[in-house]
PDB file of N, CA and C in Angstrom:
ATOM      1  N   MET A   1       8.334  58.777 -27.298  1.00  0.00           N
ATOM      2  CA  MET A   1       7.437  59.430 -26.367  1.00  0.00           C
ATOM      3  C   MET A   1       7.481  58.681 -25.036  1.00  0.00           C
ATOM      4  N   VAL A   2       7.695  59.415 -23.966  1.00  0.00           N
ATOM      5  CA  VAL A   2       7.735  58.840 -22.627  1.00  0.00           C
ATOM      6  C   VAL A   2       6.451  59.221 -21.904  1.00  0.00           C
ATOM      7  N   LEU A   3       5.766  58.211 -21.368  1.00  0.00           N
ATOM      8  CA  LEU A   3       4.524  58.445 -20.633  1.00  0.00           C
ATOM      9  C   LEU A   3       4.743  58.139 -19.163  1.00  0.00           C
ATOM     10  N   ASP A   4       4.216  59.003 -18.296  1.00  0.00           N
ATOM     11  CA  ASP A   4       4.248  58.668 -16.879  1.00  0.00           C
ATOM     12  C   ASP A   4       2.982  57.879 -16.538  1.00  0.00           C
ATOM     13  N   THR A   5       2.883  57.421 -15.306  1.00  0.00           N
ATOM     14  CA  THR A   5       1.752  56.586 -14.892  1.00  0.00           C
ATOM     15  C   THR A   5       0.420  57.287 -15.102  1.00  0.00           C
ATOM     16  N   ALA A   6       0.347  58.563 -14.770  1.00  0.00           N
ATOM     17  CA  ALA A   6      -0.900  59.319 -14.929  1.00  0.00           C
ATOM     18  C   ALA A   6      -1.334  59.358 -16.390  1.00  0.00           C
ATOM     19  N   ASP A   7      -0.378  59.531 -17.319  1.00  0.00           N
ATOM     20  CA  ASP A   7      -0.717  59.547 -18.747  1.00  0.00           C
ATOM     21  C   ASP A   7      -1.263  58.199 -19.210  1.00  0.00           C
ATOM     22  N   VAL A   8      -0.657  57.118 -18.729  1.00  0.00           N
ATOM     23  CA  VAL A   8      -1.132  55.776 -19.092  1.00  0.00           C
ATOM     24  C   VAL A   8      -2.556  55.572 -18.586  1.00  0.00           C
ATOM     25  N   TRP A   9      -2.824  55.943 -17.322  1.00  0.00           N
ATOM     26  CA  TRP A   9      -4.176  55.807 -16.770  1.00  0.00           C
ATOM     27  C   TRP A   9      -5.178  56.641 -17.559  1.00  0.00           C
ATOM     28  N   ARG A  10      -4.807  57.853 -17.929  1.00  0.00           N
ATOM     29  CA  ARG A  10      -5.726  58.717 -18.687  1.00  0.00           C
ATOM     30  C   ARG A  10      -6.072  58.104 -20.046  1.00  0.00           C
ATOM     31  N   ARG A  11      -5.095  57.509 -20.706  1.00  0.00           N
ATOM     32  CA  ARG A  11      -5.353  56.893 -22.013  1.00  0.00           C
ATOM     33  C   ARG A  11      -6.243  55.654 -21.901  1.00  0.00           C
ATOM     34  N   ALA A  12      -6.145  54.953 -20.765  1.00  0.00           N
ATOM     35  CA  ALA A  12      -6.909  53.713 -20.583  1.00  0.00           C
ATOM     36  C   ALA A  12      -8.273  53.934 -19.934  1.00  0.00           C
ATOM     37  N   SER A  13      -8.500  55.099 -19.367  1.00  0.00           N
ATOM     38  CA  SER A  13      -9.728  55.319 -18.591  1.00  0.00           C
ATOM     39  C   SER A  13     -10.870  55.840 -19.455  1.00  0.00           C
ATOM     40  N   HIS A  14     -12.033  55.927 -18.836  1.00  0.00           N
ATOM     41  CA  HIS A  14     -13.208  56.495 -19.485  1.00  0.00           C
ATOM     42  C   HIS A  14     -12.960  57.962 -19.829  1.00  0.00           C
ATOM     43  N   ASN A  15     -13.599  58.435 -20.891  1.00  0.00           N
ATOM     44  CA  ASN A  15     -13.635  59.859 -21.189  1.00  0.00           C
ATOM     45  C   ASN A  15     -14.665  60.463 -20.245  1.00  0.00           C
ATOM     46  N   PHE A  16     -14.230  61.310 -19.331  1.00  0.00           N
ATOM     47  CA  PHE A  16     -15.111  61.798 -18.270  1.00  0.00           C
ATOM     48  C   PHE A  16     -16.327  62.547 -18.818  1.00  0.00           C
ATOM     49  N   SER A  17     -16.154  63.297 -19.889  1.00  0.00           N
ATOM     50  CA  SER A  17     -17.291  64.043 -20.442  1.00  0.00           C
ATOM     51  C   SER A  17     -18.356  63.109 -21.017  1.00  0.00           C
ATOM     52  N   GLU A  18     -17.969  61.915 -21.439  1.00  0.00           N
ATOM     53  CA  GLU A  18     -18.935  60.929 -21.944  1.00  0.00           C
ATOM     54  C   GLU A  18     -19.446  60.007 -20.837  1.00  0.00           C
ATOM     55  N   LEU A  19     -18.736  59.929 -19.738  1.00  0.00           N
ATOM     56  CA  LEU A  19     -19.069  59.005 -18.663  1.00  0.00           C
ATOM     57  C   LEU A  19     -20.353  59.388 -17.928  1.00  0.00           C
ATOM     58  N   ILE A  20     -20.490  60.652 -17.567  1.00  0.00           N
ATOM     59  CA  ILE A  20     -21.645  61.084 -16.778  1.00  0.00           C
ATOM     60  C   ILE A  20     -22.779  61.494 -17.705  1.00  0.00           C
ATOM     61  N   GLN A  21     -23.878  60.730 -17.641  1.00  0.00           N
ATOM     62  CA  GLN A  21     -25.050  61.054 -18.445  1.00  0.00           C
ATOM     63  C   GLN A  21     -25.974  62.021 -17.712  1.00  0.00           C
ATOM     64  N   GLN A  22     -26.125  61.840 -16.404  1.00  0.00           N
ATOM     65  CA  GLN A  22     -26.928  62.740 -15.578  1.00  0.00           C
ATOM     66  C   GLN A  22     -26.221  62.914 -14.244  1.00  0.00           C
ATOM     67  N   CYS A  23     -26.279  64.129 -13.709  1.00  0.00           N
ATOM     68  CA  CYS A  23     -25.682  64.390 -12.407  1.00  0.00           C
ATOM     69  C   CYS A  23     -26.438  65.526 -11.725  1.00  0.00           C
ATOM     70  N   TYR A  24     -26.991  65.203 -10.556  1.00  0.00           N
ATOM     71  CA  TYR A  24     -27.706  66.197  -9.750  1.00  0.00           C
ATOM     72  C   TYR A  24     -27.227  66.093  -8.311  1.00  0.00           C
ATOM     73  N   PHE A  25     -27.169  67.235  -7.637  1.00  0.00           N
ATOM     74  CA  PHE A  25     -26.877  67.254  -6.213  1.00  0.00           C
ATOM     75  C   PHE A  25     -27.990  68.038  -5.545  1.00  0.00           C
ATOM     76  N   GLY A  26     -28.994  67.327  -5.107  1.00  0.00           N
ATOM     77  CA  GLY A  26     -30.190  67.959  -4.558  1.00  0.00           C
ATOM     78  C   GLY A  26     -31.299  67.985  -5.596  1.00  0.00           C
ATOM     79  N   ARG A  27     -32.419  68.480  -5.203  1.00  0.00           N
ATOM     80  CA  ARG A  27     -33.609  68.467  -6.054  1.00  0.00           C
ATOM     81  C   ARG A  27     -33.467  69.462  -7.207  1.00  0.00           C
ATOM     82  N   ASN A  28     -33.355  68.931  -8.428  1.00  0.00           N
ATOM     83  CA  ASN A  28     -33.249  69.714  -9.662  1.00  0.00           C
ATOM     84  C   ASN A  28     -32.056  70.672  -9.693  1.00  0.00           C
ATOM     85  N   VAL A  29     -31.007  70.373  -8.941  1.00  0.00           N
ATOM     86  CA  VAL A  29     -29.795  71.193  -8.949  1.00  0.00           C
ATOM     87  C   VAL A  29     -28.706  70.385  -9.651  1.00  0.00           C
ATOM     88  N   THR A  30     -28.265  70.856 -10.802  1.00  0.00           N
ATOM     89  CA  THR A  30     -27.234  70.127 -11.533  1.00  0.00           C
ATOM     90  C   THR A  30     -25.918  70.170 -10.772  1.00  0.00           C
ATOM     91  N   CYS A  31     -25.090  69.174 -11.016  1.00  0.00           N
ATOM     92  CA  CYS A  31     -23.780  69.129 -10.362  1.00  0.00           C
ATOM     93  C   CYS A  31     -22.931  70.340 -10.749  1.00  0.00           C
ATOM     94  N   GLU A  32     -23.073  70.813 -11.986  1.00  0.00           N
ATOM     95  CA  GLU A  32     -22.316  71.986 -12.417  1.00  0.00           C
ATOM     96  C   GLU A  32     -22.652  73.205 -11.561  1.00  0.00           C
ATOM     97  N   ARG A  33     -23.904  73.310 -11.128  1.00  0.00           N
ATOM     98  CA  ARG A  33     -24.328  74.421 -10.280  1.00  0.00           C
ATOM     99  C   ARG A  33     -23.936  74.215  -8.817  1.00  0.00           C
ATOM    100  N   ALA A  34     -23.900  72.961  -8.376  1.00  0.00           N
ATOM    101  CA  ALA A  34     -23.685  72.655  -6.957  1.00  0.00           C
ATOM    102  C   ALA A  34     -22.220  72.545  -6.564  1.00  0.00           C
ATOM    103  N   GLY A  35     -21.333  72.300  -7.523  1.00  0.00           N
ATOM    104  CA  GLY A  35     -19.928  72.103  -7.182  1.00  0.00           C
ATOM    105  C   GLY A  35     -19.097  71.853  -8.418  1.00  0.00           C
ATOM    106  N   GLU A  36     -17.967  71.172  -8.226  1.00  0.00           N
ATOM    107  CA  GLU A  36     -17.118  70.873  -9.382  1.00  0.00           C
ATOM    108  C   GLU A  36     -16.398  69.542  -9.203  1.00  0.00           C
ATOM    109  N   TRP A  37     -16.053  68.943 -10.345  1.00  0.00           N
ATOM    110  CA  TRP A  37     -15.324  67.689 -10.391  1.00  0.00           C
ATOM    111  C   TRP A  37     -13.843  67.982 -10.540  1.00  0.00           C
ATOM    112  N   SER A  38     -13.007  67.139  -9.936  1.00  0.00           N
ATOM    113  CA  SER A  38     -11.561  67.232 -10.131  1.00  0.00           C
ATOM    114  C   SER A  38     -10.998  65.820 -10.267  1.00  0.00           C
ATOM    115  N   GLU A  39      -9.877  65.729 -10.924  1.00  0.00           N
ATOM    116  CA  GLU A  39      -9.246  64.435 -11.201  1.00  0.00           C
ATOM    117  C   GLU A  39      -8.141  64.155 -10.190  1.00  0.00           C
ATOM    118  N   ILE A  40      -8.112  62.914  -9.698  1.00  0.00           N
ATOM    119  CA  ILE A  40      -7.045  62.453  -8.813  1.00  0.00           C
ATOM    120  C   ILE A  40      -6.544  61.126  -9.372  1.00  0.00           C
ATOM    121  N   VAL A  41      -5.239  60.980  -9.482  1.00  0.00           N
ATOM    122  CA  VAL A  41      -4.650  59.734  -9.973  1.00  0.00           C
ATOM    123  C   VAL A  41      -4.383  58.835  -8.770  1.00  0.00           C
ATOM    124  N   THR A  42      -4.939  57.611  -8.805  1.00  0.00           N
ATOM    125  CA  THR A  42      -4.733  56.640  -7.734  1.00  0.00           C
ATOM    126  C   THR A  42      -4.061  55.404  -8.314  1.00  0.00           C
ATOM    127  N   GLU A  43      -3.681  54.472  -7.450  1.00  0.00           N
ATOM    128  CA  GLU A  43      -3.077  53.224  -7.941  1.00  0.00           C
ATOM    129  C   GLU A  43      -4.088  52.368  -8.687  1.00  0.00           C
ATOM    130  N   MET A  44      -5.385  52.657  -8.513  1.00  0.00           N
ATOM    131  CA  MET A  44      -6.435  51.904  -9.201  1.00  0.00           C
ATOM    132  C   MET A  44      -6.871  52.573 -10.499  1.00  0.00           C
ATOM    133  N   GLY A  45      -6.340  53.759 -10.779  1.00  0.00           N
ATOM    134  CA  GLY A  45      -6.714  54.465 -11.997  1.00  0.00           C
ATOM    135  C   GLY A  45      -7.077  55.909 -11.712  1.00  0.00           C
ATOM    136  N   ILE A  46      -7.798  56.499 -12.650  1.00  0.00           N
ATOM    137  CA  ILE A  46      -8.223  57.888 -12.525  1.00  0.00           C
ATOM    138  C   ILE A  46      -9.475  57.946 -11.661  1.00  0.00           C
ATOM    139  N   CYS A  47      -9.445  58.790 -10.653  1.00  0.00           N
ATOM    140  CA  CYS A  47     -10.571  58.978  -9.748  1.00  0.00           C
ATOM    141  C   CYS A  47     -11.124  60.381  -9.974  1.00  0.00           C
ATOM    142  N   GLN A  48     -12.431  60.493 -10.099  1.00  0.00           N
ATOM    143  CA  GLN A  48     -13.083  61.794 -10.214  1.00  0.00           C
ATOM    144  C   GLN A  48     -13.720  62.123  -8.874  1.00  0.00           C
ATOM    145  N   THR A  49     -13.402  63.274  -8.324  1.00  0.00           N
ATOM    146  CA  THR A  49     -13.905  63.695  -7.023  1.00  0.00           C
ATOM    147  C   THR A  49     -14.836  64.880  -7.201  1.00  0.00           C
ATOM    148  N   PHE A  50     -16.013  64.804  -6.556  1.00  0.00           N
ATOM    149  CA  PHE A  50     -16.969  65.907  -6.602  1.00  0.00           C
ATOM    150  C   PHE A  50     -16.914  66.669  -5.288  1.00  0.00           C
ATOM    151  N   GLN A  51     -16.719  67.966  -5.375  1.00  0.00           N
ATOM    152  CA  GLN A  51     -16.669  68.837  -4.200  1.00  0.00           C
ATOM    153  C   GLN A  51     -17.763  69.887  -4.329  1.00  0.00           C
ATOM    154  N   THR A  52     -18.647  69.952  -3.333  1.00  0.00           N
ATOM    155  CA  THR A  52     -19.724  70.939  -3.365  1.00  0.00           C
ATOM    156  C   THR A  52     -19.177  72.336  -3.076  1.00  0.00           C
ATOM    157  N   ASN A  53     -19.890  73.340  -3.583  1.00  0.00           N
ATOM    158  CA  ASN A  53     -19.511  74.733  -3.337  1.00  0.00           C
ATOM    159  C   ASN A  53     -19.737  75.133  -1.884  1.00  0.00           C
ATOM    160  N   GLU A  54     -20.741  74.540  -1.259  1.00  0.00           N
ATOM    161  CA  GLU A  54     -21.108  74.859   0.121  1.00  0.00           C
ATOM    162  C   GLU A  54     -21.016  73.588   0.968  1.00  0.00           C
ATOM    163  N   PRO A  55     -20.757  73.713   2.267  1.00  0.00           N
ATOM    164  CA  PRO A  55     -20.772  72.527   3.135  1.00  0.00           C
ATOM    165  C   PRO A  55     -22.149  71.857   3.120  1.00  0.00           C
ATOM    166  N   VAL A  56     -22.166  70.541   3.180  1.00  0.00           N
ATOM    167  CA  VAL A  56     -23.426  69.792   3.219  1.00  0.00           C
ATOM    168  C   VAL A  56     -23.886  69.743   4.667  1.00  0.00           C
ATOM    169  N   LYS A  57     -25.078  70.277   4.915  1.00  0.00           N
ATOM    170  CA  LYS A  57     -25.578  70.355   6.291  1.00  0.00           C
ATOM    171  C   LYS A  57     -26.835  69.535   6.512  1.00  0.00           C
ATOM    172  N   THR A  58     -27.381  68.957   5.444  1.00  0.00           N
ATOM    173  CA  THR A  58     -28.601  68.159   5.574  1.00  0.00           C
ATOM    174  C   THR A  58     -28.437  66.849   4.825  1.00  0.00           C
ATOM    175  N   SER A  59     -29.239  65.885   5.204  1.00  0.00           N
ATOM    176  CA  SER A  59     -29.269  64.612   4.491  1.00  0.00           C
ATOM    177  C   SER A  59     -30.719  64.303   4.168  1.00  0.00           C
ATOM    178  N   GLY A  60     -30.939  63.257   3.423  1.00  0.00           N
ATOM    179  CA  GLY A  60     -32.300  62.864   3.113  1.00  0.00           C
ATOM    180  C   GLY A  60     -32.530  62.709   1.621  1.00  0.00           C
ATOM    181  N   HIS A  61     -33.745  62.337   1.288  1.00  0.00           N
ATOM    182  CA  HIS A  61     -34.112  61.979  -0.079  1.00  0.00           C
ATOM    183  C   HIS A  61     -33.878  63.109  -1.090  1.00  0.00           C
ATOM    184  N   PHE A  62     -34.079  64.354  -0.705  1.00  0.00           N
ATOM    185  CA  PHE A  62     -33.938  65.462  -1.647  1.00  0.00           C
ATOM    186  C   PHE A  62     -32.604  66.187  -1.521  1.00  0.00           C
ATOM    187  N   ASN A  63     -31.678  65.642  -0.778  1.00  0.00           N
ATOM    188  CA  ASN A  63     -30.365  66.256  -0.575  1.00  0.00           C
ATOM    189  C   ASN A  63     -29.283  65.224  -0.853  1.00  0.00           C
ATOM    190  N   HIS A  64     -29.183  64.801  -2.095  1.00  0.00           N
ATOM    191  CA  HIS A  64     -28.278  63.703  -2.401  1.00  0.00           C
ATOM    192  C   HIS A  64     -27.584  63.919  -3.742  1.00  0.00           C
ATOM    193  N   LEU A  65     -26.559  63.123  -3.969  1.00  0.00           N
ATOM    194  CA  LEU A  65     -25.874  63.090  -5.256  1.00  0.00           C
ATOM    195  C   LEU A  65     -26.512  61.988  -6.083  1.00  0.00           C
ATOM    196  N   TYR A  66     -27.000  62.341  -7.260  1.00  0.00           N
ATOM    197  CA  TYR A  66     -27.638  61.384  -8.164  1.00  0.00           C
ATOM    198  C   TYR A  66     -26.810  61.342  -9.442  1.00  0.00           C
ATOM    199  N   LEU A  67     -26.326  60.152  -9.792  1.00  0.00           N
ATOM    200  CA  LEU A  67     -25.496  59.976 -10.989  1.00  0.00           C
ATOM    201  C   LEU A  67     -26.047  58.867 -11.866  1.00  0.00           C
ATOM    202  N   VAL A  68     -26.049  59.091 -13.166  1.00  0.00           N
ATOM    203  CA  VAL A  68     -26.269  58.029 -14.144  1.00  0.00           C
ATOM    204  C   VAL A  68     -25.001  57.993 -14.981  1.00  0.00           C
ATOM    205  N   LEU A  69     -24.310  56.845 -14.930  1.00  0.00           N
ATOM    206  CA  LEU A  69     -23.026  56.701 -15.610  1.00  0.00           C
ATOM    207  C   LEU A  69     -23.162  55.849 -16.857  1.00  0.00           C
ATOM    208  N   ASN A  70     -22.418  56.197 -17.886  1.00  0.00           N
ATOM    209  CA  ASN A  70     -22.385  55.471 -19.146  1.00  0.00           C
ATOM    210  C   ASN A  70     -21.166  54.555 -19.129  1.00  0.00           C
ATOM    211  N   ASP A  71     -21.379  53.292 -18.797  1.00  0.00           N
ATOM    212  CA  ASP A  71     -20.279  52.335 -18.725  1.00  0.00           C
ATOM    213  C   ASP A  71     -20.001  51.777 -20.113  1.00  0.00           C
ATOM    214  N   LYS A  72     -18.820  52.050 -20.636  1.00  0.00           N
ATOM    215  CA  LYS A  72     -18.441  51.564 -21.964  1.00  0.00           C
ATOM    216  C   LYS A  72     -17.831  50.173 -21.834  1.00  0.00           C
ATOM    217  N   GLN A  73     -18.669  49.204 -21.516  1.00  0.00           N
ATOM    218  CA  GLN A  73     -18.201  47.846 -21.241  1.00  0.00           C
ATOM    219  C   GLN A  73     -17.471  47.227 -22.424  1.00  0.00           C
ATOM    220  N   LYS A  74     -17.832  47.570 -23.647  1.00  0.00           N
ATOM    221  CA  LYS A  74     -17.171  46.979 -24.814  1.00  0.00           C
ATOM    222  C   LYS A  74     -15.682  47.326 -24.843  1.00  0.00           C
ATOM    223  N   LYS A  75     -15.343  48.493 -24.311  1.00  0.00           N
ATOM    224  CA  LYS A  75     -13.955  48.932 -24.330  1.00  0.00           C
ATOM    225  C   LYS A  75     -13.127  48.269 -23.228  1.00  0.00           C
ATOM    226  N   PHE A  76     -13.770  47.968 -22.099  1.00  0.00           N
ATOM    227  CA  PHE A  76     -13.063  47.422 -20.945  1.00  0.00           C
ATOM    228  C   PHE A  76     -13.548  46.001 -20.690  1.00  0.00           C
ATOM    229  N   LYS A  77     -12.780  45.010 -21.094  1.00  0.00           N
ATOM    230  CA  LYS A  77     -13.230  43.618 -21.071  1.00  0.00           C
ATOM    231  C   LYS A  77     -13.051  42.925 -19.718  1.00  0.00           C
ATOM    232  N   ASN A  78     -12.001  43.212 -18.977  1.00  0.00           N
ATOM    233  CA  ASN A  78     -11.676  42.429 -17.788  1.00  0.00           C
ATOM    234  C   ASN A  78     -12.323  42.921 -16.499  1.00  0.00           C
ATOM    235  N   GLU A  79     -12.751  44.141 -16.458  1.00  0.00           N
ATOM    236  CA  GLU A  79     -13.360  44.717 -15.259  1.00  0.00           C
ATOM    237  C   GLU A  79     -14.692  45.322 -15.650  1.00  0.00           C
ATOM    238  N   GLU A  80     -15.617  45.349 -14.717  1.00  0.00           N
ATOM    239  CA  GLU A  80     -16.872  46.033 -14.993  1.00  0.00           C
ATOM    240  C   GLU A  80     -17.299  46.803 -13.761  1.00  0.00           C
ATOM    241  N   GLY A  81     -18.007  47.892 -13.995  1.00  0.00           N
ATOM    242  CA  GLY A  81     -18.527  48.681 -12.891  1.00  0.00           C
ATOM    243  C   GLY A  81     -17.581  49.778 -12.439  1.00  0.00           C
ATOM    244  N   PHE A  82     -17.872  50.285 -11.255  1.00  0.00           N
ATOM    245  CA  PHE A  82     -17.155  51.438 -10.719  1.00  0.00           C
ATOM    246  C   PHE A  82     -16.901  51.251  -9.229  1.00  0.00           C
ATOM    247  N   ARG A  83     -15.982  52.045  -8.686  1.00  0.00           N
ATOM    248  CA  ARG A  83     -15.758  52.127  -7.237  1.00  0.00           C
ATOM    249  C   ARG A  83     -16.195  53.518  -6.812  1.00  0.00           C
ATOM    250  N   VAL A  84     -16.912  53.578  -5.699  1.00  0.00           N
ATOM    251  CA  VAL A  84     -17.393  54.849  -5.163  1.00  0.00           C
ATOM    252  C   VAL A  84     -16.905  54.980  -3.729  1.00  0.00           C
ATOM    253  N   LEU A  85     -16.414  56.151  -3.395  1.00  0.00           N
ATOM    254  CA  LEU A  85     -15.936  56.432  -2.046  1.00  0.00           C
ATOM    255  C   LEU A  85     -16.490  57.777  -1.602  1.00  0.00           C
ATOM    256  N   ILE A  86     -17.202  57.786  -0.493  1.00  0.00           N
ATOM    257  CA  ILE A  86     -17.665  59.037   0.107  1.00  0.00           C
ATOM    258  C   ILE A  86     -16.673  59.373   1.209  1.00  0.00           C
ATOM    259  N   HIS A  87     -16.084  60.566   1.121  1.00  0.00           N
ATOM    260  CA  HIS A  87     -15.049  60.921   2.091  1.00  0.00           C
ATOM    261  C   HIS A  87     -15.114  62.401   2.439  1.00  0.00           C
ATOM    262  N   ASP A  88     -14.523  62.732   3.555  1.00  0.00           N
ATOM    263  CA  ASP A  88     -14.405  64.117   3.988  1.00  0.00           C
ATOM    264  C   ASP A  88     -13.494  64.855   3.011  1.00  0.00           C
ATOM    265  N   PRO A  89     -13.803  66.119   2.703  1.00  0.00           N
ATOM    266  CA  PRO A  89     -12.942  66.863   1.769  1.00  0.00           C
ATOM    267  C   PRO A  89     -11.486  66.951   2.221  1.00  0.00           C
ATOM    268  N   GLY A  90     -11.242  66.858   3.515  1.00  0.00           N
ATOM    269  CA  GLY A  90      -9.876  66.925   4.025  1.00  0.00           C
ATOM    270  C   GLY A  90      -9.113  65.617   3.924  1.00  0.00           C
ATOM    271  N   ASP A  91      -9.806  64.519   3.626  1.00  0.00           N
ATOM    272  CA  ASP A  91      -9.163  63.207   3.518  1.00  0.00           C
ATOM    273  C   ASP A  91      -8.631  62.983   2.107  1.00  0.00           C
ATOM    274  N   ASP A  92      -7.529  62.272   2.005  1.00  0.00           N
ATOM    275  CA  ASP A  92      -6.940  61.943   0.714  1.00  0.00           C
ATOM    276  C   ASP A  92      -7.505  60.606   0.237  1.00  0.00           C
ATOM    277  N   PRO A  93      -8.259  60.591  -0.859  1.00  0.00           N
ATOM    278  CA  PRO A  93      -8.905  59.352  -1.304  1.00  0.00           C
ATOM    279  C   PRO A  93      -7.968  58.348  -1.961  1.00  0.00           C
ATOM    280  N   ARG A  94      -6.730  58.725  -2.235  1.00  0.00           N
ATOM    281  CA  ARG A  94      -5.836  57.820  -2.965  1.00  0.00           C
ATOM    282  C   ARG A  94      -5.617  56.494  -2.261  1.00  0.00           C
ATOM    283  N   LEU A  95      -5.537  56.504  -0.942  1.00  0.00           N
ATOM    284  CA  LEU A  95      -5.360  55.256  -0.202  1.00  0.00           C
ATOM    285  C   LEU A  95      -6.697  54.651   0.213  1.00  0.00           C
ATOM    286  N   MET A  96      -7.674  55.496   0.474  1.00  0.00           N
ATOM    287  CA  MET A  96      -8.957  55.035   1.004  1.00  0.00           C
ATOM    288  C   MET A  96      -9.811  54.291  -0.023  1.00  0.00           C
ATOM    289  N   VAL A  97      -9.677  54.599  -1.310  1.00  0.00           N
ATOM    290  CA  VAL A  97     -10.571  54.013  -2.313  1.00  0.00           C
ATOM    291  C   VAL A  97     -10.449  52.492  -2.372  1.00  0.00           C
ATOM    292  N   ARG A  98      -9.263  51.958  -2.163  1.00  0.00           N
ATOM    293  CA  ARG A  98      -9.073  50.502  -2.220  1.00  0.00           C
ATOM    294  C   ARG A  98      -9.724  49.809  -1.024  1.00  0.00           C
ATOM    295  N   THR A  99      -9.586  50.369   0.164  1.00  0.00           N
ATOM    296  CA  THR A  99     -10.069  49.699   1.371  1.00  0.00           C
ATOM    297  C   THR A  99     -11.474  50.115   1.789  1.00  0.00           C
ATOM    298  N   HIS A 100     -11.899  51.325   1.444  1.00  0.00           N
ATOM    299  CA  HIS A 100     -13.186  51.824   1.911  1.00  0.00           C
ATOM    300  C   HIS A 100     -14.187  52.099   0.787  1.00  0.00           C
ATOM    301  N   GLY A 101     -13.796  51.944  -0.450  1.00  0.00           N
ATOM    302  CA  GLY A 101     -14.702  52.205  -1.561  1.00  0.00           C
ATOM    303  C   GLY A 101     -15.728  51.095  -1.724  1.00  0.00           C
ATOM    304  N   SER A 102     -16.861  51.434  -2.312  1.00  0.00           N
ATOM    305  CA  SER A 102     -17.918  50.459  -2.598  1.00  0.00           C
ATOM    306  C   SER A 102     -17.978  50.210  -4.095  1.00  0.00           C
ATOM    307  N   SER A 103     -18.187  48.972  -4.479  1.00  0.00           N
ATOM    308  CA  SER A 103     -18.297  48.628  -5.892  1.00  0.00           C
ATOM    309  C   SER A 103     -19.733  48.779  -6.367  1.00  0.00           C
ATOM    310  N   ILE A 104     -19.873  49.279  -7.573  1.00  0.00           N
ATOM    311  CA  ILE A 104     -21.175  49.346  -8.231  1.00  0.00           C
ATOM    312  C   ILE A 104     -21.030  48.571  -9.532  1.00  0.00           C
ATOM    313  N   ILE A 105     -21.768  47.497  -9.641  1.00  0.00           N
ATOM    314  CA  ILE A 105     -21.682  46.626 -10.807  1.00  0.00           C
ATOM    315  C   ILE A 105     -22.502  47.212 -11.946  1.00  0.00           C
ATOM    316  N   GLN A 106     -22.047  46.961 -13.160  1.00  0.00           N
ATOM    317  CA  GLN A 106     -22.721  47.460 -14.358  1.00  0.00           C
ATOM    318  C   GLN A 106     -24.211  47.108 -14.341  1.00  0.00           C
ATOM    319  N   ARG A 107     -25.033  48.068 -14.731  1.00  0.00           N
ATOM    320  CA  ARG A 107     -26.500  47.947 -14.831  1.00  0.00           C
ATOM    321  C   ARG A 107     -27.172  47.783 -13.466  1.00  0.00           C
ATOM    322  N   HIS A 108     -26.532  48.196 -12.393  1.00  0.00           N
ATOM    323  CA  HIS A 108     -27.116  48.139 -11.059  1.00  0.00           C
ATOM    324  C   HIS A 108     -27.011  49.511 -10.401  1.00  0.00           C
ATOM    325  N   GLY A 109     -27.852  49.750  -9.427  1.00  0.00           N
ATOM    326  CA  GLY A 109     -27.819  50.997  -8.670  1.00  0.00           C
ATOM    327  C   GLY A 109     -27.321  50.742  -7.267  1.00  0.00           C
ATOM    328  N   ARG A 110     -27.014  51.813  -6.582  1.00  0.00           N
ATOM    329  CA  ARG A 110     -26.553  51.701  -5.202  1.00  0.00           C
ATOM    330  C   ARG A 110     -27.041  52.927  -4.451  1.00  0.00           C
ATOM    331  N   ASP A 111     -27.751  52.696  -3.367  1.00  0.00           N
ATOM    332  CA  ASP A 111     -28.150  53.773  -2.466  1.00  0.00           C
ATOM    333  C   ASP A 111     -27.229  53.745  -1.262  1.00  0.00           C
ATOM    334  N   VAL A 112     -26.697  54.892  -0.920  1.00  0.00           N
ATOM    335  CA  VAL A 112     -25.860  55.025   0.266  1.00  0.00           C
ATOM    336  C   VAL A 112     -26.466  56.126   1.115  1.00  0.00           C
ATOM    337  N   ARG A 113     -26.781  55.804   2.344  1.00  0.00           N
ATOM    338  CA  ARG A 113     -27.360  56.801   3.241  1.00  0.00           C
ATOM    339  C   ARG A 113     -26.360  57.132   4.341  1.00  0.00           C
ATOM    340  N   MET A 114     -26.302  58.408   4.654  1.00  0.00           N
ATOM    341  CA  MET A 114     -25.394  58.875   5.698  1.00  0.00           C
ATOM    342  C   MET A 114     -26.176  59.735   6.681  1.00  0.00           C
ATOM    343  N   VAL A 115     -25.760  59.705   7.919  1.00  0.00           N
ATOM    344  CA  VAL A 115     -26.301  60.590   8.941  1.00  0.00           C
ATOM    345  C   VAL A 115     -25.189  61.556   9.315  1.00  0.00           C
ATOM    346  N   LEU A 116     -25.480  62.840   9.209  1.00  0.00           N
ATOM    347  CA  LEU A 116     -24.483  63.852   9.529  1.00  0.00           C
ATOM    348  C   LEU A 116     -24.549  64.193  11.010  1.00  0.00           C
ATOM    349  N   LYS A 117     -23.402  64.158  11.668  1.00  0.00           N
ATOM    350  CA  LYS A 117     -23.321  64.511  13.085  1.00  0.00           C
ATOM    351  C   LYS A 117     -22.167  65.473  13.275  1.00  0.00           C
ATOM    352  N   GLU A 118     -22.378  66.435  14.131  1.00  0.00           N
ATOM    353  CA  GLU A 118     -21.301  67.348  14.475  1.00  0.00           C
ATOM    354  C   GLU A 118     -20.760  66.938  15.835  1.00  0.00           C
ATOM    355  N   VAL A 119     -19.465  66.722  15.900  1.00  0.00           N
ATOM    356  CA  VAL A 119     -18.821  66.313  17.144  1.00  0.00           C
ATOM    357  C   VAL A 119     -17.888  67.437  17.571  1.00  0.00           C
ATOM    358  N   ARG A 120     -18.081  67.883  18.794  1.00  0.00           N
ATOM    359  CA  ARG A 120     -17.227  68.954  19.316  1.00  0.00           C
ATOM    360  C   ARG A 120     -16.454  68.438  20.522  1.00  0.00           C
ATOM    361  N   GLY A 121     -15.182  68.711  20.535  1.00  0.00           N
ATOM    362  CA  GLY A 121     -14.359  68.338  21.677  1.00  0.00           C
ATOM    363  C   GLY A 121     -14.443  69.394  22.764  1.00  0.00           C
ATOM    364  N   GLN A 122     -14.179  68.982  23.972  1.00  0.00           N
ATOM    365  CA  GLN A 122     -14.181  69.936  25.079  1.00  0.00           C
ATOM    366  C   GLN A 122     -12.824  70.612  25.163  1.00  0.00           C
ATOM    367  N   PRO A 123     -12.820  71.906  25.516  1.00  0.00           N
ATOM    368  CA  PRO A 123     -11.538  72.632  25.583  1.00  0.00           C
ATOM    369  C   PRO A 123     -10.651  72.146  26.704  1.00  0.00           C
TER     370      PRO A 123
END
């Protein structure tokens, strides 16, 4: 049996269906209702990307992505936690996750706040 890099990463990574214990995007809106997850293979492993169904036009306490992750630390001995990268849907996260991602250590939370601005160029 010949495995490519993506197959090796998939065998070594978390089972995505077991990884997410809770996921909301906005007040009482489940992630399944708000958008969808997709898999991207990076040099650091399998990356799960969440894309909303509609453009995000507001920020604040009730307009956020809320995740509770099940870290299977017993299975992964040398590394702990996760990397999180917030990026524009048009950007490719494969290179950005290493340099711009934030680490979340096991049993800790992380709040990330963003201010949305629209920038228009002059013709």
